Amino acid sequence: MRKQSLGLRNPEEIPLAGTTLRALMSEKITVAQARSELQNSGDPGDLLRNEDEVWRFRTPAWTWSTMSGVEGIVVLRDGLAAHWLVTRMN
């Protein structure tokens, strides 16, 4: 798992795979779900707070076929992207 701080940025302003992070966010999950899923990938530490919003994201199919695909979860605080945790990439 790769952790990256996004510095409380608007997900609509974060470019990723020819679009924006917001456009790639697909499913909202709970903080408890995220912690459970990340348990085997390494400790997310204090990156997840109970008041956070957590979303899954995945880059489009073409990025996977060109060996540049990324998927994971993004942590939003007050609607702004605080961190993402990459759980799979090629």
PDB file of N, CA and C in Angstrom:
ATOM      1  N   MET A   1       0.839  -1.169   0.000  1.00  0.00           N
ATOM      2  CA  MET A   1       0.000   0.000   0.000  1.00  0.00           C
ATOM      3  C   MET A   1       0.891   1.241   0.000  1.00  0.00           C
ATOM      4  N   ARG A   2       0.535   2.193  -0.820  1.00  0.00           N
ATOM      5  CA  ARG A   2       1.270   3.453  -0.885  1.00  0.00           C
ATOM      6  C   ARG A   2       0.380   4.575  -0.356  1.00  0.00           C
ATOM      7  N   LYS A   3       0.880   5.329   0.578  1.00  0.00           N
ATOM      8  CA  LYS A   3       0.142   6.448   1.159  1.00  0.00           C
ATOM      9  C   LYS A   3       0.686   7.743   0.589  1.00  0.00           C
ATOM     10  N   GLN A   4      -0.213   8.652   0.224  1.00  0.00           N
ATOM     11  CA  GLN A   4       0.239   9.943  -0.288  1.00  0.00           C
ATOM     12  C   GLN A   4      -0.671  11.046   0.224  1.00  0.00           C
ATOM     13  N   SER A   5      -0.071  12.072   0.783  1.00  0.00           N
ATOM     14  CA  SER A   5      -0.825  13.234   1.227  1.00  0.00           C
ATOM     15  C   SER A   5      -1.211  14.078   0.022  1.00  0.00           C
ATOM     16  N   LEU A   6      -2.439  14.558   0.005  1.00  0.00           N
ATOM     17  CA  LEU A   6      -2.905  15.406  -1.083  1.00  0.00           C
ATOM     18  C   LEU A   6      -3.091  16.851  -0.635  1.00  0.00           C
ATOM     19  N   GLY A   7      -2.830  17.126   0.624  1.00  0.00           N
ATOM     20  CA  GLY A   7      -2.801  18.492   1.118  1.00  0.00           C
ATOM     21  C   GLY A   7      -4.129  19.231   1.134  1.00  0.00           C
ATOM     22  N   LEU A   8      -5.230  18.519   1.377  1.00  0.00           N
ATOM     23  CA  LEU A   8      -6.558  19.138   1.433  1.00  0.00           C
ATOM     24  C   LEU A   8      -6.874  19.922   0.161  1.00  0.00           C
ATOM     25  N   ARG A   9      -6.913  19.201  -0.940  1.00  0.00           N
ATOM     26  CA  ARG A   9      -7.222  19.792  -2.256  1.00  0.00           C
ATOM     27  C   ARG A   9      -8.590  19.328  -2.723  1.00  0.00           C
ATOM     28  N   ASN A  10      -9.210  20.146  -3.535  1.00  0.00           N
ATOM     29  CA  ASN A  10     -10.483  19.796  -4.133  1.00  0.00           C
ATOM     30  C   ASN A  10     -10.262  18.626  -5.088  1.00  0.00           C
ATOM     31  N   PRO A  11     -10.992  17.503  -4.929  1.00  0.00           N
ATOM     32  CA  PRO A  11     -10.768  16.353  -5.810  1.00  0.00           C
ATOM     33  C   PRO A  11     -11.062  16.651  -7.277  1.00  0.00           C
ATOM     34  N   GLU A  12     -11.828  17.695  -7.549  1.00  0.00           N
ATOM     35  CA  GLU A  12     -12.103  18.094  -8.930  1.00  0.00           C
ATOM     36  C   GLU A  12     -10.901  18.784  -9.575  1.00  0.00           C
ATOM     37  N   GLU A  13      -9.907  19.144  -8.764  1.00  0.00           N
ATOM     38  CA  GLU A  13      -8.723  19.831  -9.270  1.00  0.00           C
ATOM     39  C   GLU A  13      -7.473  18.944  -9.258  1.00  0.00           C
ATOM     40  N   ILE A  14      -7.660  17.653  -8.979  1.00  0.00           N
ATOM     41  CA  ILE A  14      -6.528  16.730  -8.950  1.00  0.00           C
ATOM     42  C   ILE A  14      -6.577  15.899 -10.226  1.00  0.00           C
ATOM     43  N   PRO A  15      -5.663  16.143 -11.169  1.00  0.00           N
ATOM     44  CA  PRO A  15      -5.677  15.390 -12.422  1.00  0.00           C
ATOM     45  C   PRO A  15      -5.186  13.956 -12.210  1.00  0.00           C
ATOM     46  N   LEU A  16      -5.869  13.044 -12.878  1.00  0.00           N
ATOM     47  CA  LEU A  16      -5.485  11.646 -12.803  1.00  0.00           C
ATOM     48  C   LEU A  16      -6.026  10.925 -14.030  1.00  0.00           C
ATOM     49  N   ALA A  17      -5.149  10.317 -14.791  1.00  0.00           N
ATOM     50  CA  ALA A  17      -5.509   9.497 -15.952  1.00  0.00           C
ATOM     51  C   ALA A  17      -6.399  10.238 -16.951  1.00  0.00           C
ATOM     52  N   GLY A  18      -6.052  11.469 -17.243  1.00  0.00           N
ATOM     53  CA  GLY A  18      -6.791  12.227 -18.247  1.00  0.00           C
ATOM     54  C   GLY A  18      -8.114  12.775 -17.779  1.00  0.00           C
ATOM     55  N   THR A  19      -8.405  12.666 -16.502  1.00  0.00           N
ATOM     56  CA  THR A  19      -9.642  13.191 -15.932  1.00  0.00           C
ATOM     57  C   THR A  19      -9.310  13.732 -14.545  1.00  0.00           C
ATOM     58  N   THR A  20     -10.261  13.713 -13.646  1.00  0.00           N
ATOM     59  CA  THR A  20      -9.991  14.191 -12.294  1.00  0.00           C
ATOM     60  C   THR A  20     -10.248  13.077 -11.290  1.00  0.00           C
ATOM     61  N   LEU A  21      -9.666  13.230 -10.128  1.00  0.00           N
ATOM     62  CA  LEU A  21      -9.896  12.262  -9.065  1.00  0.00           C
ATOM     63  C   LEU A  21     -11.384  12.149  -8.769  1.00  0.00           C
ATOM     64  N   ARG A  22     -12.103  13.261  -8.718  1.00  0.00           N
ATOM     65  CA  ARG A  22     -13.545  13.240  -8.431  1.00  0.00           C
ATOM     66  C   ARG A  22     -14.283  12.339  -9.421  1.00  0.00           C
ATOM     67  N   ALA A  23     -13.945  12.419 -10.687  1.00  0.00           N
ATOM     68  CA  ALA A  23     -14.618  11.614 -11.709  1.00  0.00           C
ATOM     69  C   ALA A  23     -14.342  10.122 -11.538  1.00  0.00           C
ATOM     70  N   LEU A  24     -13.244   9.781 -10.887  1.00  0.00           N
ATOM     71  CA  LEU A  24     -12.876   8.377 -10.712  1.00  0.00           C
ATOM     72  C   LEU A  24     -13.364   7.789  -9.392  1.00  0.00           C
ATOM     73  N   MET A  25     -13.896   8.620  -8.515  1.00  0.00           N
ATOM     74  CA  MET A  25     -14.415   8.143  -7.231  1.00  0.00           C
ATOM     75  C   MET A  25     -15.733   7.415  -7.490  1.00  0.00           C
ATOM     76  N   SER A  26     -15.797   6.140  -7.072  1.00  0.00           N
ATOM     77  CA  SER A  26     -16.929   5.316  -7.484  1.00  0.00           C
ATOM     78  C   SER A  26     -17.861   4.854  -6.371  1.00  0.00           C
ATOM     79  N   GLU A  27     -17.346   4.609  -5.183  1.00  0.00           N
ATOM     80  CA  GLU A  27     -18.180   4.043  -4.129  1.00  0.00           C
ATOM     81  C   GLU A  27     -17.745   4.601  -2.780  1.00  0.00           C
ATOM     82  N   LYS A  28     -18.710   5.138  -2.051  1.00  0.00           N
ATOM     83  CA  LYS A  28     -18.421   5.629  -0.711  1.00  0.00           C
ATOM     84  C   LYS A  28     -18.453   4.445   0.251  1.00  0.00           C
ATOM     85  N   ILE A  29     -17.437   4.371   1.121  1.00  0.00           N
ATOM     86  CA  ILE A  29     -17.391   3.318   2.131  1.00  0.00           C
ATOM     87  C   ILE A  29     -17.191   3.969   3.500  1.00  0.00           C
ATOM     88  N   THR A  30     -17.419   3.207   4.541  1.00  0.00           N
ATOM     89  CA  THR A  30     -17.248   3.749   5.884  1.00  0.00           C
ATOM     90  C   THR A  30     -15.775   3.698   6.290  1.00  0.00           C
ATOM     91  N   VAL A  31     -15.449   4.490   7.284  1.00  0.00           N
ATOM     92  CA  VAL A  31     -14.084   4.466   7.824  1.00  0.00           C
ATOM     93  C   VAL A  31     -13.779   3.075   8.371  1.00  0.00           C
ATOM     94  N   ALA A  32     -14.767   2.446   9.022  1.00  0.00           N
ATOM     95  CA  ALA A  32     -14.575   1.100   9.567  1.00  0.00           C
ATOM     96  C   ALA A  32     -14.279   0.098   8.448  1.00  0.00           C
ATOM     97  N   GLN A  33     -14.997   0.194   7.327  1.00  0.00           N
ATOM     98  CA  GLN A  33     -14.730  -0.686   6.189  1.00  0.00           C
ATOM     99  C   GLN A  33     -13.307  -0.473   5.677  1.00  0.00           C
ATOM    100  N   ALA A  34     -12.923   0.776   5.535  1.00  0.00           N
ATOM    101  CA  ALA A  34     -11.587   1.090   5.029  1.00  0.00           C
ATOM    102  C   ALA A  34     -10.517   0.523   5.955  1.00  0.00           C
ATOM    103  N   ARG A  35     -10.691   0.710   7.254  1.00  0.00           N
ATOM    104  CA  ARG A  35      -9.703   0.181   8.207  1.00  0.00           C
ATOM    105  C   ARG A  35      -9.609  -1.338   8.104  1.00  0.00           C
ATOM    106  N   SER A  36     -10.755  -1.992   7.983  1.00  0.00           N
ATOM    107  CA  SER A  36     -10.782  -3.444   7.874  1.00  0.00           C
ATOM    108  C   SER A  36     -10.059  -3.920   6.616  1.00  0.00           C
ATOM    109  N   GLU A  37     -10.345  -3.275   5.488  1.00  0.00           N
ATOM    110  CA  GLU A  37      -9.722  -3.655   4.224  1.00  0.00           C
ATOM    111  C   GLU A  37      -8.219  -3.384   4.208  1.00  0.00           C
ATOM    112  N   LEU A  38      -7.804  -2.336   4.893  1.00  0.00           N
ATOM    113  CA  LEU A  38      -6.396  -1.951   4.893  1.00  0.00           C
ATOM    114  C   LEU A  38      -5.572  -2.690   5.942  1.00  0.00           C
ATOM    115  N   GLN A  39      -6.246  -3.418   6.803  1.00  0.00           N
ATOM    116  CA  GLN A  39      -5.571  -4.119   7.884  1.00  0.00           C
ATOM    117  C   GLN A  39      -4.443  -5.014   7.386  1.00  0.00           C
ATOM    118  N   ASN A  40      -4.665  -5.718   6.294  1.00  0.00           N
ATOM    119  CA  ASN A  40      -3.654  -6.640   5.768  1.00  0.00           C
ATOM    120  C   ASN A  40      -2.625  -5.943   4.891  1.00  0.00           C
ATOM    121  N   SER A  41      -2.874  -4.681   4.551  1.00  0.00           N
ATOM    122  CA  SER A  41      -1.977  -3.951   3.659  1.00  0.00           C
ATOM    123  C   SER A  41      -0.994  -3.071   4.404  1.00  0.00           C
ATOM    124  N   GLY A  42      -1.071  -3.059   5.694  1.00  0.00           N
ATOM    125  CA  GLY A  42      -0.239  -2.150   6.478  1.00  0.00           C
ATOM    126  C   GLY A  42      -1.128  -1.197   7.237  1.00  0.00           C
ATOM    127  N   ASP A  43      -0.657  -0.680   8.311  1.00  0.00           N
ATOM    128  CA  ASP A  43      -1.447   0.186   9.178  1.00  0.00           C
ATOM    129  C   ASP A  43      -1.601   1.571   8.572  1.00  0.00           C
ATOM    130  N   PRO A  44      -2.842   2.028   8.326  1.00  0.00           N
ATOM    131  CA  PRO A  44      -3.023   3.380   7.799  1.00  0.00           C
ATOM    132  C   PRO A  44      -2.739   4.456   8.847  1.00  0.00           C
ATOM    133  N   GLY A  45      -2.459   4.036  10.078  1.00  0.00           N
ATOM    134  CA  GLY A  45      -2.110   4.985  11.128  1.00  0.00           C
ATOM    135  C   GLY A  45      -3.203   5.989  11.383  1.00  0.00           C
ATOM    136  N   ASP A  46      -2.822   7.233  11.539  1.00  0.00           N
ATOM    137  CA  ASP A  46      -3.806   8.269  11.834  1.00  0.00           C
ATOM    138  C   ASP A  46      -4.349   8.916  10.558  1.00  0.00           C
ATOM    139  N   LEU A  47      -4.159   8.274   9.418  1.00  0.00           N
ATOM    140  CA  LEU A  47      -4.663   8.827   8.170  1.00  0.00           C
ATOM    141  C   LEU A  47      -6.181   8.790   8.094  1.00  0.00           C
ATOM    142  N   LEU A  48      -6.814   7.893   8.844  1.00  0.00           N
ATOM    143  CA  LEU A  48      -8.265   7.772   8.834  1.00  0.00           C
ATOM    144  C   LEU A  48      -8.843   8.237  10.159  1.00  0.00           C
ATOM    145  N   ARG A  49      -9.716   9.214  10.086  1.00  0.00           N
ATOM    146  CA  ARG A  49     -10.413   9.721  11.269  1.00  0.00           C
ATOM    147  C   ARG A  49     -11.892   9.358  11.143  1.00  0.00           C
ATOM    148  N   ASN A  50     -12.552   9.215  12.258  1.00  0.00           N
ATOM    149  CA  ASN A  50     -13.959   8.815  12.249  1.00  0.00           C
ATOM    150  C   ASN A  50     -14.850   9.760  11.457  1.00  0.00           C
ATOM    151  N   GLU A  51     -14.519  11.025  11.392  1.00  0.00           N
ATOM    152  CA  GLU A  51     -15.355  12.006  10.689  1.00  0.00           C
ATOM    153  C   GLU A  51     -15.045  12.099   9.192  1.00  0.00           C
ATOM    154  N   ASP A  52     -14.060  11.344   8.709  1.00  0.00           N
ATOM    155  CA  ASP A  52     -13.685  11.371   7.296  1.00  0.00           C
ATOM    156  C   ASP A  52     -14.739  10.726   6.412  1.00  0.00           C
ATOM    157  N   GLU A  53     -14.715  11.134   5.160  1.00  0.00           N
ATOM    158  CA  GLU A  53     -15.478  10.481   4.108  1.00  0.00           C
ATOM    159  C   GLU A  53     -14.459   9.666   3.320  1.00  0.00           C
ATOM    160  N   VAL A  54     -14.790   8.425   2.989  1.00  0.00           N
ATOM    161  CA  VAL A  54     -13.838   7.556   2.294  1.00  0.00           C
ATOM    162  C   VAL A  54     -14.494   7.030   1.021  1.00  0.00           C
ATOM    163  N   TRP A  55     -13.778   7.144  -0.090  1.00  0.00           N
ATOM    164  CA  TRP A  55     -14.280   6.710  -1.394  1.00  0.00           C
ATOM    165  C   TRP A  55     -13.270   5.800  -2.077  1.00  0.00           C
ATOM    166  N   ARG A  56     -13.775   4.825  -2.819  1.00  0.00           N
ATOM    167  CA  ARG A  56     -12.924   4.008  -3.681  1.00  0.00           C
ATOM    168  C   ARG A  56     -12.705   4.771  -4.985  1.00  0.00           C
ATOM    169  N   PHE A  57     -11.546   4.581  -5.587  1.00  0.00           N
ATOM    170  CA  PHE A  57     -11.300   5.129  -6.924  1.00  0.00           C
ATOM    171  C   PHE A  57     -10.531   4.106  -7.735  1.00  0.00           C
ATOM    172  N   ARG A  58     -10.670   4.187  -9.045  1.00  0.00           N
ATOM    173  CA  ARG A  58      -9.958   3.287  -9.961  1.00  0.00           C
ATOM    174  C   ARG A  58      -9.812   3.999 -11.287  1.00  0.00           C
ATOM    175  N   THR A  59      -8.619   3.944 -11.840  1.00  0.00           N
ATOM    176  CA  THR A  59      -8.396   4.579 -13.142  1.00  0.00           C
ATOM    177  C   THR A  59      -9.060   3.733 -14.235  1.00  0.00           C
ATOM    178  N   PRO A  60      -9.325   4.342 -15.408  1.00  0.00           N
ATOM    179  CA  PRO A  60     -10.024   3.650 -16.493  1.00  0.00           C
ATOM    180  C   PRO A  60      -9.259   2.427 -17.017  1.00  0.00           C
ATOM    181  N   ALA A  61     -10.001   1.587 -17.741  1.00  0.00           N
ATOM    182  CA  ALA A  61      -9.450   0.327 -18.279  1.00  0.00           C
ATOM    183  C   ALA A  61      -8.206   0.556 -19.132  1.00  0.00           C
ATOM    184  N   TRP A  62      -8.184   1.635 -19.922  1.00  0.00           N
ATOM    185  CA  TRP A  62      -7.020   1.858 -20.794  1.00  0.00           C
ATOM    186  C   TRP A  62      -5.736   2.023 -19.991  1.00  0.00           C
ATOM    187  N   THR A  63      -5.829   2.537 -18.750  1.00  0.00           N
ATOM    188  CA  THR A  63      -4.611   2.709 -17.949  1.00  0.00           C
ATOM    189  C   THR A  63      -4.058   1.361 -17.504  1.00  0.00           C
ATOM    190  N   TRP A  64      -4.935   0.398 -17.310  1.00  0.00           N
ATOM    191  CA  TRP A  64      -4.488  -0.935 -16.902  1.00  0.00           C
ATOM    192  C   TRP A  64      -3.830  -1.651 -18.076  1.00  0.00           C
ATOM    193  N   SER A  65      -4.372  -1.446 -19.275  1.00  0.00           N
ATOM    194  CA  SER A  65      -3.784  -2.102 -20.443  1.00  0.00           C
ATOM    195  C   SER A  65      -2.446  -1.475 -20.842  1.00  0.00           C
ATOM    196  N   THR A  66      -2.192  -0.250 -20.378  1.00  0.00           N
ATOM    197  CA  THR A  66      -0.902   0.401 -20.664  1.00  0.00           C
ATOM    198  C   THR A  66       0.028   0.350 -19.446  1.00  0.00           C
ATOM    199  N   MET A  67      -0.313  -0.514 -18.497  1.00  0.00           N
ATOM    200  CA  MET A  67       0.498  -0.714 -17.290  1.00  0.00           C
ATOM    201  C   MET A  67       0.652   0.546 -16.446  1.00  0.00           C
ATOM    202  N   SER A  68      -0.408   1.341 -16.363  1.00  0.00           N
ATOM    203  CA  SER A  68      -0.359   2.541 -15.525  1.00  0.00           C
ATOM    204  C   SER A  68      -1.619   2.683 -14.670  1.00  0.00           C
ATOM    205  N   GLY A  69      -2.294   1.558 -14.424  1.00  0.00           N
ATOM    206  CA  GLY A  69      -3.520   1.583 -13.634  1.00  0.00           C
ATOM    207  C   GLY A  69      -3.268   1.767 -12.152  1.00  0.00           C
ATOM    208  N   VAL A  70      -4.214   2.431 -11.482  1.00  0.00           N
ATOM    209  CA  VAL A  70      -4.126   2.677 -10.044  1.00  0.00           C
ATOM    210  C   VAL A  70      -5.524   2.542  -9.458  1.00  0.00           C
ATOM    211  N   GLU A  71      -5.612   1.909  -8.285  1.00  0.00           N
ATOM    212  CA  GLU A  71      -6.877   1.912  -7.550  1.00  0.00           C
ATOM    213  C   GLU A  71      -6.571   2.000  -6.068  1.00  0.00           C
ATOM    214  N   GLY A  72      -7.539   2.468  -5.326  1.00  0.00           N
ATOM    215  CA  GLY A  72      -7.359   2.601  -3.893  1.00  0.00           C
ATOM    216  C   GLY A  72      -8.509   3.351  -3.274  1.00  0.00           C
ATOM    217  N   ILE A  73      -8.218   4.013  -2.170  1.00  0.00           N
ATOM    218  CA  ILE A  73      -9.230   4.823  -1.510  1.00  0.00           C
ATOM    219  C   ILE A  73      -8.691   6.237  -1.328  1.00  0.00           C
ATOM    220  N   VAL A  74      -9.612   7.175  -1.353  1.00  0.00           N
ATOM    221  CA  VAL A  74      -9.262   8.570  -1.108  1.00  0.00           C
ATOM    222  C   VAL A  74     -10.012   9.011   0.145  1.00  0.00           C
ATOM    223  N   VAL A  75      -9.320   9.750   0.989  1.00  0.00           N
ATOM    224  CA  VAL A  75      -9.877  10.233   2.247  1.00  0.00           C
ATOM    225  C   VAL A  75     -10.219  11.707   2.088  1.00  0.00           C
ATOM    226  N   LEU A  76     -11.495  12.029   2.285  1.00  0.00           N
ATOM    227  CA  LEU A  76     -11.935  13.421   2.210  1.00  0.00           C
ATOM    228  C   LEU A  76     -12.194  13.957   3.611  1.00  0.00           C
ATOM    229  N   ARG A  77     -11.744  15.173   3.840  1.00  0.00           N
ATOM    230  CA  ARG A  77     -12.020  15.910   5.081  1.00  0.00           C
ATOM    231  C   ARG A  77     -12.683  17.212   4.698  1.00  0.00           C
ATOM    232  N   ASP A  78     -13.898  17.392   5.168  1.00  0.00           N
ATOM    233  CA  ASP A  78     -14.666  18.588   4.828  1.00  0.00           C
ATOM    234  C   ASP A  78     -14.734  18.775   3.311  1.00  0.00           C
ATOM    235  N   GLY A  79     -14.874  17.658   2.583  1.00  0.00           N
ATOM    236  CA  GLY A  79     -15.017  17.705   1.137  1.00  0.00           C
ATOM    237  C   GLY A  79     -13.725  17.835   0.352  1.00  0.00           C
ATOM    238  N   LEU A  80     -12.605  17.929   1.049  1.00  0.00           N
ATOM    239  CA  LEU A  80     -11.310  18.087   0.381  1.00  0.00           C
ATOM    240  C   LEU A  80     -10.467  16.826   0.540  1.00  0.00           C
ATOM    241  N   ALA A  81      -9.724  16.474  -0.497  1.00  0.00           N
ATOM    242  CA  ALA A  81      -8.895  15.276  -0.483  1.00  0.00           C
ATOM    243  C   ALA A  81      -7.686  15.486   0.421  1.00  0.00           C
ATOM    244  N   ALA A  82      -7.621  14.689   1.474  1.00  0.00           N
ATOM    245  CA  ALA A  82      -6.511  14.765   2.417  1.00  0.00           C
ATOM    246  C   ALA A  82      -5.398  13.786   2.040  1.00  0.00           C
ATOM    247  N   HIS A  83      -5.792  12.538   1.721  1.00  0.00           N
ATOM    248  CA  HIS A  83      -4.828  11.479   1.410  1.00  0.00           C
ATOM    249  C   HIS A  83      -5.463  10.515   0.422  1.00  0.00           C
ATOM    250  N   TRP A  84      -4.597   9.788  -0.253  1.00  0.00           N
ATOM    251  CA  TRP A  84      -5.084   8.592  -0.911  1.00  0.00           C
ATOM    252  C   TRP A  84      -4.180   7.449  -0.527  1.00  0.00           C
ATOM    253  N   LEU A  85      -4.776   6.288  -0.530  1.00  0.00           N
ATOM    254  CA  LEU A  85      -4.057   5.075  -0.195  1.00  0.00           C
ATOM    255  C   LEU A  85      -4.200   4.156  -1.397  1.00  0.00           C
ATOM    256  N   VAL A  86      -3.106   3.963  -2.108  1.00  0.00           N
ATOM    257  CA  VAL A  86      -3.122   3.126  -3.307  1.00  0.00           C
ATOM    258  C   VAL A  86      -3.006   1.684  -2.867  1.00  0.00           C
ATOM    259  N   THR A  87      -4.005   0.886  -3.231  1.00  0.00           N
ATOM    260  CA  THR A  87      -4.037  -0.505  -2.818  1.00  0.00           C
ATOM    261  C   THR A  87      -3.643  -1.452  -3.953  1.00  0.00           C
ATOM    262  N   ARG A  88      -3.698  -0.946  -5.194  1.00  0.00           N
ATOM    263  CA  ARG A  88      -3.324  -1.795  -6.339  1.00  0.00           C
ATOM    264  C   ARG A  88      -2.839  -0.901  -7.469  1.00  0.00           C
ATOM    265  N   MET A  89      -1.767  -1.327  -8.115  1.00  0.00           N
ATOM    266  CA  MET A  89      -1.281  -0.596  -9.286  1.00  0.00           C
ATOM    267  C   MET A  89      -0.505  -1.556 -10.178  1.00  0.00           C
ATOM    268  N   ASN A  90      -0.414  -1.180 -11.461  1.00  0.00           N
ATOM    269  CA  ASN A  90       0.410  -1.988 -12.366  1.00  0.00           C
ATOM    270  C   ASN A  90       1.304  -1.108 -13.185  1.00  0.00           C
TER     271      ASN A  90
END
